[in-house]
């Protein structure tokens, strides 16, 4: 695979990604073929395979290009915030609200696991330095998994509900959920 920064290679990759996104607007993911992609991108199969091995790899590369913007938005949201968790979750839902049709497509086509993987990587990058100062390495990994998995499922449920709640409402929901985790309460209930 050619991941070089030469202008021709960059242009070809962008054309392939654009073709995939356009085809995703019209068809189920499983029905999109490499032939469809190269035809839509007006490129040859050799060019496609020089850059990607599969359409899944194209989608992963699309996420690779999209997630730095996502990460920057999350970082920006934290700058002047007294409540970092609220700011991150609100920015997260603002980001996906603007891409709601893509989110619905991923859900409808069983592709949300790819999103979880990218979300986990991003949450890990954003929070590692902070978490490692208060947790050991093992606990940092679990904390990142808990946070990214929870956000992923919250996003999934929100999208499944039509995305009707505002990003502000979702951030407030998240904060309320994390505040009402009375771990001792479950023990007390079992003892009764």
N, C-alpha and C. Protein backbone atom coordinates (compact mmCIF):
# COMPACT_ATOMS: atom_id res chain seq x y z
N UNK A 1 0.82 -1.19 0.00
CA UNK A 1 0.00 0.00 0.00
C UNK A 1 0.86 1.24 0.00
N UNK A 2 0.48 2.19 -0.81
CA UNK A 2 1.20 3.44 -0.94
C UNK A 2 0.56 4.49 -0.04
N UNK A 3 1.23 4.86 1.04
CA UNK A 3 0.74 5.92 1.92
C UNK A 3 1.65 7.14 1.81
N UNK A 4 2.28 7.28 0.65
CA UNK A 4 3.20 8.39 0.46
C UNK A 4 2.44 9.71 0.40
N UNK A 5 3.20 10.76 0.56
CA UNK A 5 2.62 12.10 0.53
C UNK A 5 2.78 12.76 -0.83
N UNK A 6 3.08 11.98 -1.84
CA UNK A 6 3.20 12.60 -3.16
C UNK A 6 1.80 13.03 -3.62
N UNK A 7 1.71 14.15 -4.29
CA UNK A 7 0.40 14.71 -4.64
C UNK A 7 -0.52 13.77 -5.40
N UNK A 8 0.04 12.95 -6.28
CA UNK A 8 -0.77 12.02 -7.05
C UNK A 8 -1.40 10.95 -6.13
N UNK A 9 -0.61 10.43 -5.20
CA UNK A 9 -1.11 9.41 -4.26
C UNK A 9 -2.19 10.01 -3.36
N UNK A 10 -1.95 11.20 -2.86
CA UNK A 10 -2.94 11.86 -1.99
C UNK A 10 -4.24 12.08 -2.76
N UNK A 11 -4.12 12.55 -3.98
CA UNK A 11 -5.31 12.80 -4.81
C UNK A 11 -6.07 11.50 -5.06
N UNK A 12 -5.37 10.42 -5.37
CA UNK A 12 -6.03 9.13 -5.60
C UNK A 12 -6.76 8.64 -4.36
N UNK A 13 -6.12 8.73 -3.19
CA UNK A 13 -6.77 8.31 -1.96
C UNK A 13 -8.02 9.14 -1.68
N UNK A 14 -7.92 10.45 -1.90
CA UNK A 14 -9.09 11.32 -1.69
C UNK A 14 -10.23 10.97 -2.64
N UNK A 15 -9.89 10.64 -3.87
CA UNK A 15 -10.91 10.27 -4.87
C UNK A 15 -11.61 8.97 -4.45
N UNK A 16 -10.84 8.04 -3.93
CA UNK A 16 -11.41 6.75 -3.50
C UNK A 16 -12.32 6.96 -2.29
N UNK A 17 -11.86 7.76 -1.34
CA UNK A 17 -12.69 8.05 -0.16
C UNK A 17 -13.97 8.76 -0.57
N UNK A 18 -13.84 9.74 -1.43
CA UNK A 18 -15.03 10.48 -1.90
C UNK A 18 -16.00 9.53 -2.59
N UNK A 19 -15.48 8.63 -3.38
CA UNK A 19 -16.33 7.65 -4.07
C UNK A 19 -17.06 6.77 -3.05
N UNK A 20 -16.34 6.31 -2.03
CA UNK A 20 -16.97 5.46 -1.02
C UNK A 20 -18.09 6.23 -0.29
N UNK A 21 -17.80 7.46 0.12
CA UNK A 21 -18.81 8.26 0.83
C UNK A 21 -20.04 8.48 -0.06
N UNK A 22 -19.83 8.78 -1.33
CA UNK A 22 -20.96 8.98 -2.24
C UNK A 22 -21.76 7.70 -2.44
N UNK A 23 -21.06 6.58 -2.56
CA UNK A 23 -21.76 5.29 -2.71
C UNK A 23 -22.51 4.92 -1.44
N UNK A 24 -21.96 5.27 -0.29
CA UNK A 24 -22.62 4.98 0.98
C UNK A 24 -23.94 5.74 1.11
N UNK A 25 -24.05 6.86 0.42
CA UNK A 25 -25.30 7.63 0.45
C UNK A 25 -26.40 6.93 -0.34
N UNK A 26 -26.01 6.00 -1.21
CA UNK A 26 -26.98 5.37 -2.11
C UNK A 26 -27.22 3.88 -1.83
N UNK A 27 -26.22 3.21 -1.23
CA UNK A 27 -26.30 1.75 -1.09
C UNK A 27 -25.88 1.27 0.28
N UNK A 28 -26.30 0.04 0.58
CA UNK A 28 -25.80 -0.62 1.78
C UNK A 28 -24.31 -0.87 1.59
N UNK A 29 -23.58 -0.86 2.70
CA UNK A 29 -22.14 -1.07 2.67
C UNK A 29 -21.78 -2.41 2.04
N UNK A 30 -22.50 -3.45 2.42
CA UNK A 30 -22.18 -4.80 1.90
C UNK A 30 -22.39 -4.91 0.40
N UNK A 31 -23.19 -4.01 -0.18
CA UNK A 31 -23.45 -4.05 -1.62
C UNK A 31 -22.44 -3.24 -2.44
N UNK A 32 -21.58 -2.51 -1.79
CA UNK A 32 -20.56 -1.71 -2.49
C UNK A 32 -19.37 -2.61 -2.80
N UNK A 33 -18.98 -2.65 -4.07
CA UNK A 33 -17.85 -3.49 -4.48
C UNK A 33 -16.65 -2.61 -4.83
N UNK A 34 -15.50 -3.25 -4.94
CA UNK A 34 -14.29 -2.54 -5.37
C UNK A 34 -14.51 -2.00 -6.79
N UNK A 35 -15.19 -2.78 -7.62
CA UNK A 35 -15.51 -2.32 -8.98
C UNK A 35 -16.33 -1.04 -8.92
N UNK A 36 -17.32 -0.99 -8.03
CA UNK A 36 -18.12 0.23 -7.87
C UNK A 36 -17.24 1.41 -7.46
N UNK A 37 -16.33 1.15 -6.53
CA UNK A 37 -15.46 2.22 -6.04
C UNK A 37 -14.56 2.78 -7.13
N UNK A 38 -13.90 1.90 -7.86
CA UNK A 38 -12.98 2.40 -8.89
C UNK A 38 -13.73 3.07 -10.04
N UNK A 39 -14.90 2.55 -10.35
CA UNK A 39 -15.72 3.17 -11.40
C UNK A 39 -16.16 4.58 -10.96
N UNK A 40 -16.64 4.70 -9.74
CA UNK A 40 -17.10 5.97 -9.22
C UNK A 40 -15.94 6.97 -9.08
N UNK A 41 -14.77 6.48 -8.67
CA UNK A 41 -13.60 7.34 -8.51
C UNK A 41 -12.90 7.64 -9.84
N UNK A 42 -13.31 6.90 -10.87
CA UNK A 42 -12.69 7.01 -12.20
C UNK A 42 -11.19 6.71 -12.14
N UNK A 43 -10.88 5.62 -11.43
CA UNK A 43 -9.51 5.14 -11.29
C UNK A 43 -9.47 3.66 -11.65
N UNK A 44 -8.29 3.17 -11.91
CA UNK A 44 -8.13 1.74 -12.21
C UNK A 44 -8.02 0.91 -10.95
N UNK A 45 -8.27 -0.38 -11.08
CA UNK A 45 -8.16 -1.30 -9.94
C UNK A 45 -6.74 -1.30 -9.37
N UNK A 46 -5.73 -1.22 -10.26
CA UNK A 46 -4.35 -1.21 -9.79
C UNK A 46 -4.11 -0.02 -8.85
N UNK A 47 -4.67 1.12 -9.23
CA UNK A 47 -4.52 2.31 -8.38
C UNK A 47 -5.19 2.08 -7.04
N UNK A 48 -6.39 1.49 -7.06
CA UNK A 48 -7.07 1.20 -5.80
C UNK A 48 -6.18 0.33 -4.93
N UNK A 49 -5.71 -0.79 -5.46
CA UNK A 49 -4.94 -1.76 -4.67
C UNK A 49 -3.54 -1.25 -4.31
N UNK A 50 -3.08 -0.23 -4.97
CA UNK A 50 -1.81 0.40 -4.58
C UNK A 50 -1.99 1.12 -3.24
N UNK A 51 -3.22 1.57 -2.98
CA UNK A 51 -3.48 2.36 -1.78
C UNK A 51 -4.24 1.61 -0.68
N UNK A 52 -5.09 0.69 -1.07
CA UNK A 52 -5.95 -0.01 -0.11
C UNK A 52 -6.07 -1.48 -0.49
N UNK A 53 -6.34 -2.31 0.51
CA UNK A 53 -6.55 -3.73 0.25
C UNK A 53 -8.03 -4.08 0.19
N UNK A 54 -8.88 -3.21 0.77
CA UNK A 54 -10.31 -3.51 0.83
C UNK A 54 -11.10 -2.22 1.04
N UNK A 55 -12.41 -2.31 0.87
CA UNK A 55 -13.24 -1.13 1.13
C UNK A 55 -13.26 -0.82 2.62
N UNK A 56 -13.10 -1.83 3.46
CA UNK A 56 -13.03 -1.59 4.91
C UNK A 56 -11.81 -0.75 5.24
N UNK A 57 -10.72 -1.01 4.56
CA UNK A 57 -9.51 -0.21 4.77
C UNK A 57 -9.73 1.23 4.32
N UNK A 58 -10.52 1.44 3.29
CA UNK A 58 -10.85 2.80 2.85
C UNK A 58 -11.63 3.51 3.94
N UNK A 59 -12.61 2.83 4.52
CA UNK A 59 -13.42 3.41 5.58
C UNK A 59 -12.55 3.71 6.82
N UNK A 60 -11.65 2.82 7.15
CA UNK A 60 -10.74 3.05 8.27
C UNK A 60 -9.85 4.27 8.00
N UNK A 61 -9.40 4.42 6.78
CA UNK A 61 -8.58 5.57 6.42
C UNK A 61 -9.41 6.86 6.49
N UNK A 62 -10.65 6.78 6.08
CA UNK A 62 -11.57 7.92 6.19
C UNK A 62 -11.67 8.34 7.66
N UNK A 63 -11.82 7.38 8.56
CA UNK A 63 -11.85 7.68 10.00
C UNK A 63 -10.52 8.28 10.45
N UNK A 64 -9.41 7.73 9.93
CA UNK A 64 -8.09 8.27 10.29
C UNK A 64 -7.98 9.75 9.93
N UNK A 65 -8.60 10.14 8.83
CA UNK A 65 -8.57 11.55 8.41
C UNK A 65 -9.55 12.39 9.23
N UNK A 66 -10.66 11.81 9.63
CA UNK A 66 -11.70 12.54 10.35
C UNK A 66 -11.37 12.71 11.83
N UNK A 67 -10.74 11.74 12.45
CA UNK A 67 -10.57 11.77 13.89
C UNK A 67 -9.60 12.82 14.42
N UNK A 68 -8.59 13.26 13.68
CA UNK A 68 -7.81 14.39 14.20
C UNK A 68 -8.67 15.65 14.40
N UNK A 69 -9.60 15.88 13.49
CA UNK A 69 -10.54 17.00 13.66
C UNK A 69 -11.37 16.78 14.93
N UNK A 70 -11.84 15.56 15.13
CA UNK A 70 -12.60 15.19 16.31
C UNK A 70 -11.77 15.45 17.57
N UNK A 71 -10.54 15.00 17.56
CA UNK A 71 -9.65 15.17 18.70
C UNK A 71 -9.41 16.65 18.97
N UNK A 72 -9.19 17.44 17.93
CA UNK A 72 -8.98 18.87 18.10
C UNK A 72 -10.19 19.56 18.71
N UNK A 73 -11.38 19.16 18.27
CA UNK A 73 -12.60 19.74 18.83
C UNK A 73 -12.73 19.40 20.31
N UNK A 74 -12.40 18.18 20.68
CA UNK A 74 -12.47 17.79 22.09
C UNK A 74 -11.45 18.58 22.92
N UNK A 75 -10.24 18.71 22.40
CA UNK A 75 -9.20 19.47 23.10
C UNK A 75 -9.61 20.93 23.26
N UNK A 76 -10.15 21.50 22.21
CA UNK A 76 -10.59 22.90 22.24
C UNK A 76 -11.70 23.09 23.27
N UNK A 77 -12.60 22.12 23.37
CA UNK A 77 -13.72 22.24 24.30
C UNK A 77 -13.25 22.24 25.75
N UNK A 78 -12.11 21.65 26.02
CA UNK A 78 -11.62 21.54 27.40
C UNK A 78 -10.87 22.77 27.86
N UNK A 79 -10.43 23.61 26.94
CA UNK A 79 -9.54 24.72 27.28
C UNK A 79 -10.09 25.62 28.39
N UNK A 80 -11.29 26.10 28.23
CA UNK A 80 -11.84 27.06 29.19
C UNK A 80 -12.96 26.48 30.03
N UNK A 81 -12.93 25.18 30.21
CA UNK A 81 -14.03 24.54 30.92
C UNK A 81 -13.65 24.18 32.35
N UNK A 82 -14.56 24.45 33.26
CA UNK A 82 -14.38 24.03 34.65
C UNK A 82 -14.77 22.57 34.83
N UNK A 83 -15.61 22.08 33.92
CA UNK A 83 -16.08 20.70 33.99
C UNK A 83 -15.63 19.99 32.72
N UNK A 84 -14.48 19.38 32.80
CA UNK A 84 -13.86 18.75 31.64
C UNK A 84 -14.72 17.64 31.04
N UNK A 85 -15.30 16.80 31.89
CA UNK A 85 -16.12 15.69 31.39
C UNK A 85 -17.33 16.22 30.63
N UNK A 86 -17.99 17.21 31.17
CA UNK A 86 -19.15 17.81 30.50
C UNK A 86 -18.73 18.38 29.14
N UNK A 87 -17.63 19.12 29.11
CA UNK A 87 -17.16 19.75 27.86
C UNK A 87 -16.83 18.71 26.80
N UNK A 88 -16.17 17.63 27.20
CA UNK A 88 -15.80 16.58 26.25
C UNK A 88 -17.05 15.92 25.68
N UNK A 89 -17.99 15.57 26.54
CA UNK A 89 -19.19 14.87 26.08
C UNK A 89 -20.04 15.78 25.19
N UNK A 90 -20.16 17.03 25.55
CA UNK A 90 -20.93 17.97 24.72
C UNK A 90 -20.28 18.11 23.34
N UNK A 91 -18.96 18.29 23.31
CA UNK A 91 -18.25 18.41 22.03
C UNK A 91 -18.39 17.13 21.20
N UNK A 92 -18.35 15.99 21.88
CA UNK A 92 -18.52 14.69 21.23
C UNK A 92 -19.86 14.61 20.51
N UNK A 93 -20.93 15.00 21.19
CA UNK A 93 -22.26 14.95 20.57
C UNK A 93 -22.45 16.05 19.53
N UNK A 94 -21.81 17.19 19.70
CA UNK A 94 -21.87 18.23 18.67
C UNK A 94 -21.21 17.72 17.39
N UNK A 95 -20.07 17.07 17.55
CA UNK A 95 -19.35 16.51 16.40
C UNK A 95 -20.24 15.53 15.64
N UNK A 96 -20.88 14.59 16.37
CA UNK A 96 -21.69 13.56 15.72
C UNK A 96 -23.05 14.07 15.26
N UNK A 97 -23.55 15.11 15.86
CA UNK A 97 -24.81 15.70 15.39
C UNK A 97 -24.62 16.24 13.97
N UNK A 98 -23.45 16.85 13.74
CA UNK A 98 -23.15 17.37 12.40
C UNK A 98 -22.93 16.25 11.39
N UNK A 99 -22.70 15.04 11.85
CA UNK A 99 -22.45 13.89 10.99
C UNK A 99 -23.49 12.79 11.25
N UNK A 100 -24.69 13.21 11.57
CA UNK A 100 -25.72 12.26 11.98
C UNK A 100 -26.01 11.23 10.89
N UNK A 101 -26.06 11.66 9.64
CA UNK A 101 -26.37 10.69 8.57
C UNK A 101 -25.27 9.63 8.46
N UNK A 102 -24.02 10.00 8.66
CA UNK A 102 -22.92 9.03 8.66
C UNK A 102 -23.09 8.07 9.84
N UNK A 103 -23.41 8.61 10.99
CA UNK A 103 -23.62 7.79 12.18
C UNK A 103 -24.74 6.78 11.96
N UNK A 104 -25.85 7.23 11.42
CA UNK A 104 -26.98 6.32 11.13
C UNK A 104 -26.55 5.24 10.14
N UNK A 105 -25.78 5.64 9.15
CA UNK A 105 -25.29 4.68 8.15
C UNK A 105 -24.44 3.60 8.82
N UNK A 106 -23.53 4.02 9.70
CA UNK A 106 -22.67 3.06 10.40
C UNK A 106 -23.50 2.10 11.23
N UNK A 107 -24.51 2.61 11.91
CA UNK A 107 -25.38 1.75 12.72
C UNK A 107 -26.16 0.80 11.83
N UNK A 108 -26.80 1.34 10.81
CA UNK A 108 -27.65 0.53 9.93
C UNK A 108 -26.88 -0.55 9.18
N UNK A 109 -25.57 -0.33 9.02
CA UNK A 109 -24.76 -1.28 8.26
C UNK A 109 -23.80 -2.09 9.13
N UNK A 110 -24.02 -2.06 10.45
CA UNK A 110 -23.23 -2.88 11.36
C UNK A 110 -21.76 -2.51 11.41
N UNK A 111 -21.47 -1.21 11.30
CA UNK A 111 -20.07 -0.77 11.25
C UNK A 111 -19.63 0.02 12.49
N UNK A 112 -20.46 -0.01 13.53
CA UNK A 112 -20.14 0.78 14.72
C UNK A 112 -18.90 0.29 15.46
N UNK A 113 -18.53 -0.97 15.28
CA UNK A 113 -17.33 -1.47 15.95
C UNK A 113 -16.08 -0.74 15.47
N UNK A 114 -16.08 -0.31 14.21
CA UNK A 114 -14.95 0.46 13.69
C UNK A 114 -14.86 1.80 14.39
N UNK A 115 -16.02 2.38 14.66
CA UNK A 115 -16.07 3.65 15.36
C UNK A 115 -15.57 3.49 16.80
N UNK A 116 -15.96 2.43 17.45
CA UNK A 116 -15.51 2.18 18.82
C UNK A 116 -13.99 2.12 18.90
N UNK A 117 -13.39 1.44 17.95
CA UNK A 117 -11.93 1.30 17.93
C UNK A 117 -11.26 2.68 17.83
N UNK A 118 -11.76 3.52 16.94
CA UNK A 118 -11.19 4.87 16.78
C UNK A 118 -11.46 5.74 18.00
N UNK A 119 -12.64 5.61 18.57
CA UNK A 119 -12.98 6.37 19.76
C UNK A 119 -12.06 5.99 20.92
N UNK A 120 -11.83 4.69 21.08
CA UNK A 120 -10.95 4.21 22.14
C UNK A 120 -9.54 4.79 21.97
N UNK A 121 -9.03 4.79 20.75
CA UNK A 121 -7.70 5.35 20.49
C UNK A 121 -7.65 6.83 20.86
N UNK A 122 -8.70 7.57 20.49
CA UNK A 122 -8.74 9.02 20.74
C UNK A 122 -8.85 9.31 22.22
N UNK A 123 -9.73 8.62 22.92
CA UNK A 123 -9.89 8.83 24.36
C UNK A 123 -8.57 8.51 25.07
N UNK A 124 -7.90 7.47 24.63
CA UNK A 124 -6.63 7.10 25.23
C UNK A 124 -5.60 8.21 25.04
N UNK A 125 -5.50 8.75 23.83
CA UNK A 125 -4.54 9.83 23.55
C UNK A 125 -4.84 11.07 24.38
N UNK A 126 -6.12 11.41 24.50
CA UNK A 126 -6.51 12.63 25.20
C UNK A 126 -6.31 12.55 26.70
N UNK A 127 -6.51 11.39 27.27
CA UNK A 127 -6.55 11.28 28.73
C UNK A 127 -5.37 10.56 29.37
N UNK A 128 -4.50 9.98 28.60
CA UNK A 128 -3.43 9.16 29.17
C UNK A 128 -2.59 9.93 30.18
N UNK A 129 -2.09 11.10 29.81
CA UNK A 129 -1.21 11.85 30.70
C UNK A 129 -1.88 12.21 32.02
N UNK A 130 -3.15 12.56 31.95
CA UNK A 130 -3.88 12.92 33.17
C UNK A 130 -4.11 11.67 34.03
N UNK A 131 -4.59 10.61 33.40
CA UNK A 131 -4.93 9.40 34.15
C UNK A 131 -3.71 8.72 34.76
N UNK A 132 -2.60 8.72 34.04
CA UNK A 132 -1.41 8.03 34.53
C UNK A 132 -0.86 8.71 35.78
N UNK A 133 -1.21 9.98 35.99
CA UNK A 133 -0.74 10.69 37.18
C UNK A 133 -1.51 10.25 38.43
N UNK A 134 -2.67 9.63 38.25
CA UNK A 134 -3.46 9.20 39.42
C UNK A 134 -3.76 7.70 39.44
N UNK A 135 -3.51 7.00 38.35
CA UNK A 135 -3.79 5.57 38.27
C UNK A 135 -2.56 4.83 37.79
N UNK A 136 -2.50 3.53 38.08
CA UNK A 136 -1.41 2.75 37.51
C UNK A 136 -1.77 2.37 36.06
N UNK A 137 -0.81 1.84 35.35
CA UNK A 137 -0.96 1.56 33.91
C UNK A 137 -2.18 0.67 33.62
N UNK A 138 -2.35 -0.38 34.40
CA UNK A 138 -3.48 -1.28 34.19
C UNK A 138 -4.81 -0.54 34.35
N UNK A 139 -4.92 0.26 35.40
CA UNK A 139 -6.17 0.97 35.67
C UNK A 139 -6.46 2.04 34.62
N UNK A 140 -5.42 2.62 34.05
CA UNK A 140 -5.61 3.60 32.97
C UNK A 140 -6.30 2.91 31.79
N UNK A 141 -5.84 1.72 31.45
CA UNK A 141 -6.44 0.98 30.33
C UNK A 141 -7.91 0.68 30.59
N UNK A 142 -8.23 0.26 31.81
CA UNK A 142 -9.62 -0.02 32.15
C UNK A 142 -10.46 1.26 32.16
N UNK A 143 -9.90 2.32 32.67
CA UNK A 143 -10.62 3.59 32.72
C UNK A 143 -10.95 4.09 31.31
N UNK A 144 -9.98 4.03 30.43
CA UNK A 144 -10.18 4.45 29.04
C UNK A 144 -11.23 3.56 28.37
N UNK A 145 -11.17 2.27 28.63
CA UNK A 145 -12.16 1.35 28.05
C UNK A 145 -13.56 1.64 28.57
N UNK A 146 -13.67 1.90 29.86
CA UNK A 146 -14.96 2.23 30.47
C UNK A 146 -15.54 3.50 29.86
N UNK A 147 -14.73 4.53 29.77
CA UNK A 147 -15.17 5.82 29.26
C UNK A 147 -15.54 5.74 27.78
N UNK A 148 -14.66 5.16 26.96
CA UNK A 148 -14.93 5.10 25.52
C UNK A 148 -16.10 4.17 25.21
N UNK A 149 -16.19 3.04 25.91
CA UNK A 149 -17.31 2.12 25.70
C UNK A 149 -18.64 2.75 26.09
N UNK A 150 -18.63 3.47 27.22
CA UNK A 150 -19.85 4.15 27.66
C UNK A 150 -20.27 5.23 26.69
N UNK A 151 -19.33 6.03 26.21
CA UNK A 151 -19.65 7.08 25.24
C UNK A 151 -20.17 6.48 23.93
N UNK A 152 -19.57 5.37 23.53
CA UNK A 152 -19.98 4.71 22.29
C UNK A 152 -21.42 4.22 22.40
N UNK A 153 -21.76 3.58 23.50
CA UNK A 153 -23.12 3.08 23.67
C UNK A 153 -24.12 4.23 23.86
N UNK A 154 -23.70 5.29 24.52
CA UNK A 154 -24.56 6.46 24.67
C UNK A 154 -24.85 7.06 23.29
N UNK A 155 -23.82 7.14 22.45
CA UNK A 155 -23.98 7.64 21.08
C UNK A 155 -24.92 6.75 20.29
N UNK A 156 -24.73 5.46 20.42
CA UNK A 156 -25.56 4.48 19.72
C UNK A 156 -27.04 4.65 20.11
N UNK A 157 -27.29 4.75 21.42
CA UNK A 157 -28.66 4.90 21.90
C UNK A 157 -29.26 6.23 21.45
N UNK A 158 -28.46 7.28 21.52
CA UNK A 158 -28.90 8.62 21.09
C UNK A 158 -29.30 8.59 19.60
N UNK A 159 -28.47 8.00 18.78
CA UNK A 159 -28.77 7.91 17.34
C UNK A 159 -29.99 7.05 17.10
N UNK A 160 -30.10 5.95 17.85
CA UNK A 160 -31.25 5.06 17.72
C UNK A 160 -32.56 5.77 18.12
N UNK A 161 -32.42 6.75 18.99
CA UNK A 161 -33.57 7.54 19.44
C UNK A 161 -33.83 8.73 18.50
N UNK A 162 -33.11 8.80 17.40
CA UNK A 162 -33.32 9.86 16.42
C UNK A 162 -32.48 11.10 16.65
N UNK A 163 -31.58 11.06 17.62
CA UNK A 163 -30.72 12.21 17.89
C UNK A 163 -31.50 13.44 18.34
N UNK A 164 -32.63 13.22 19.01
CA UNK A 164 -33.50 14.35 19.34
C UNK A 164 -32.98 15.18 20.52
N UNK A 165 -32.20 14.56 21.40
CA UNK A 165 -31.64 15.33 22.51
C UNK A 165 -30.48 16.19 22.01
N UNK A 166 -30.35 17.37 22.58
CA UNK A 166 -29.25 18.27 22.20
C UNK A 166 -27.94 17.75 22.79
N UNK A 167 -26.80 18.19 22.24
CA UNK A 167 -25.52 17.83 22.83
C UNK A 167 -25.43 18.24 24.31
N UNK A 168 -26.01 19.38 24.64
CA UNK A 168 -26.03 19.84 26.02
C UNK A 168 -26.80 18.86 26.91
N UNK A 169 -27.97 18.41 26.44
CA UNK A 169 -28.75 17.43 27.20
C UNK A 169 -27.98 16.13 27.39
N UNK A 170 -27.30 15.68 26.34
CA UNK A 170 -26.54 14.43 26.44
C UNK A 170 -25.38 14.57 27.42
N UNK A 171 -24.72 15.72 27.41
CA UNK A 171 -23.61 15.94 28.35
C UNK A 171 -24.14 15.95 29.78
N UNK A 172 -25.28 16.58 29.98
CA UNK A 172 -25.87 16.58 31.32
C UNK A 172 -26.30 15.18 31.75
N UNK A 173 -26.84 14.40 30.81
CA UNK A 173 -27.19 13.01 31.12
C UNK A 173 -25.94 12.22 31.55
N UNK A 174 -24.89 12.38 30.78
CA UNK A 174 -23.65 11.67 31.10
C UNK A 174 -23.18 12.02 32.51
N UNK A 175 -23.16 13.31 32.81
CA UNK A 175 -22.71 13.77 34.13
C UNK A 175 -23.61 13.19 35.22
N UNK A 176 -24.91 13.20 34.98
CA UNK A 176 -25.83 12.65 35.99
C UNK A 176 -25.61 11.15 36.18
N UNK A 177 -25.31 10.43 35.11
CA UNK A 177 -25.07 8.99 35.22
C UNK A 177 -23.81 8.70 36.02
N UNK A 178 -22.78 9.47 35.78
CA UNK A 178 -21.52 9.21 36.48
C UNK A 178 -21.59 9.63 37.94
N UNK A 179 -22.50 10.52 38.27
CA UNK A 179 -22.67 10.94 39.67
C UNK A 179 -23.51 9.95 40.47
N UNK A 180 -24.37 9.21 39.80
CA UNK A 180 -25.25 8.29 40.52
C UNK A 180 -24.78 6.84 40.42
N UNK A 181 -23.52 6.66 40.49
CA UNK A 181 -22.98 5.30 40.51
C UNK A 181 -22.65 4.92 41.95
N UNK A 182 -23.69 4.78 42.78
CA UNK A 182 -23.42 4.44 44.18
C UNK A 182 -23.09 2.95 44.30
N UNK A 183 -21.85 2.66 44.19
CA UNK A 183 -21.43 1.26 44.17
C UNK A 183 -21.82 0.54 45.46
N UNK A 184 -21.85 1.23 46.59
CA UNK A 184 -22.21 0.60 47.85
C UNK A 184 -23.70 0.26 47.88
N UNK A 185 -24.51 1.02 47.15
CA UNK A 185 -25.96 0.83 47.16
C UNK A 185 -26.34 -0.58 46.72
N UNK A 186 -25.65 -1.10 45.69
CA UNK A 186 -25.96 -2.44 45.20
C UNK A 186 -25.68 -3.49 46.28
N UNK A 187 -24.62 -3.27 47.01
CA UNK A 187 -24.29 -4.17 48.11
C UNK A 187 -25.39 -4.12 49.16
N UNK A 188 -25.83 -2.90 49.48
CA UNK A 188 -26.89 -2.74 50.49
C UNK A 188 -28.20 -3.40 50.03
N UNK A 189 -28.52 -3.31 48.76
CA UNK A 189 -29.75 -3.90 48.23
C UNK A 189 -29.68 -5.43 48.35
N UNK A 190 -28.53 -6.00 48.01
CA UNK A 190 -28.37 -7.46 48.09
C UNK A 190 -28.46 -7.97 49.52
N UNK A 191 -28.02 -7.16 50.46
CA UNK A 191 -28.01 -7.60 51.86
C UNK A 191 -29.42 -7.63 52.46
N UNK A 192 -30.37 -6.87 51.91
CA UNK A 192 -31.72 -6.80 52.49
C UNK A 192 -32.49 -8.04 52.30
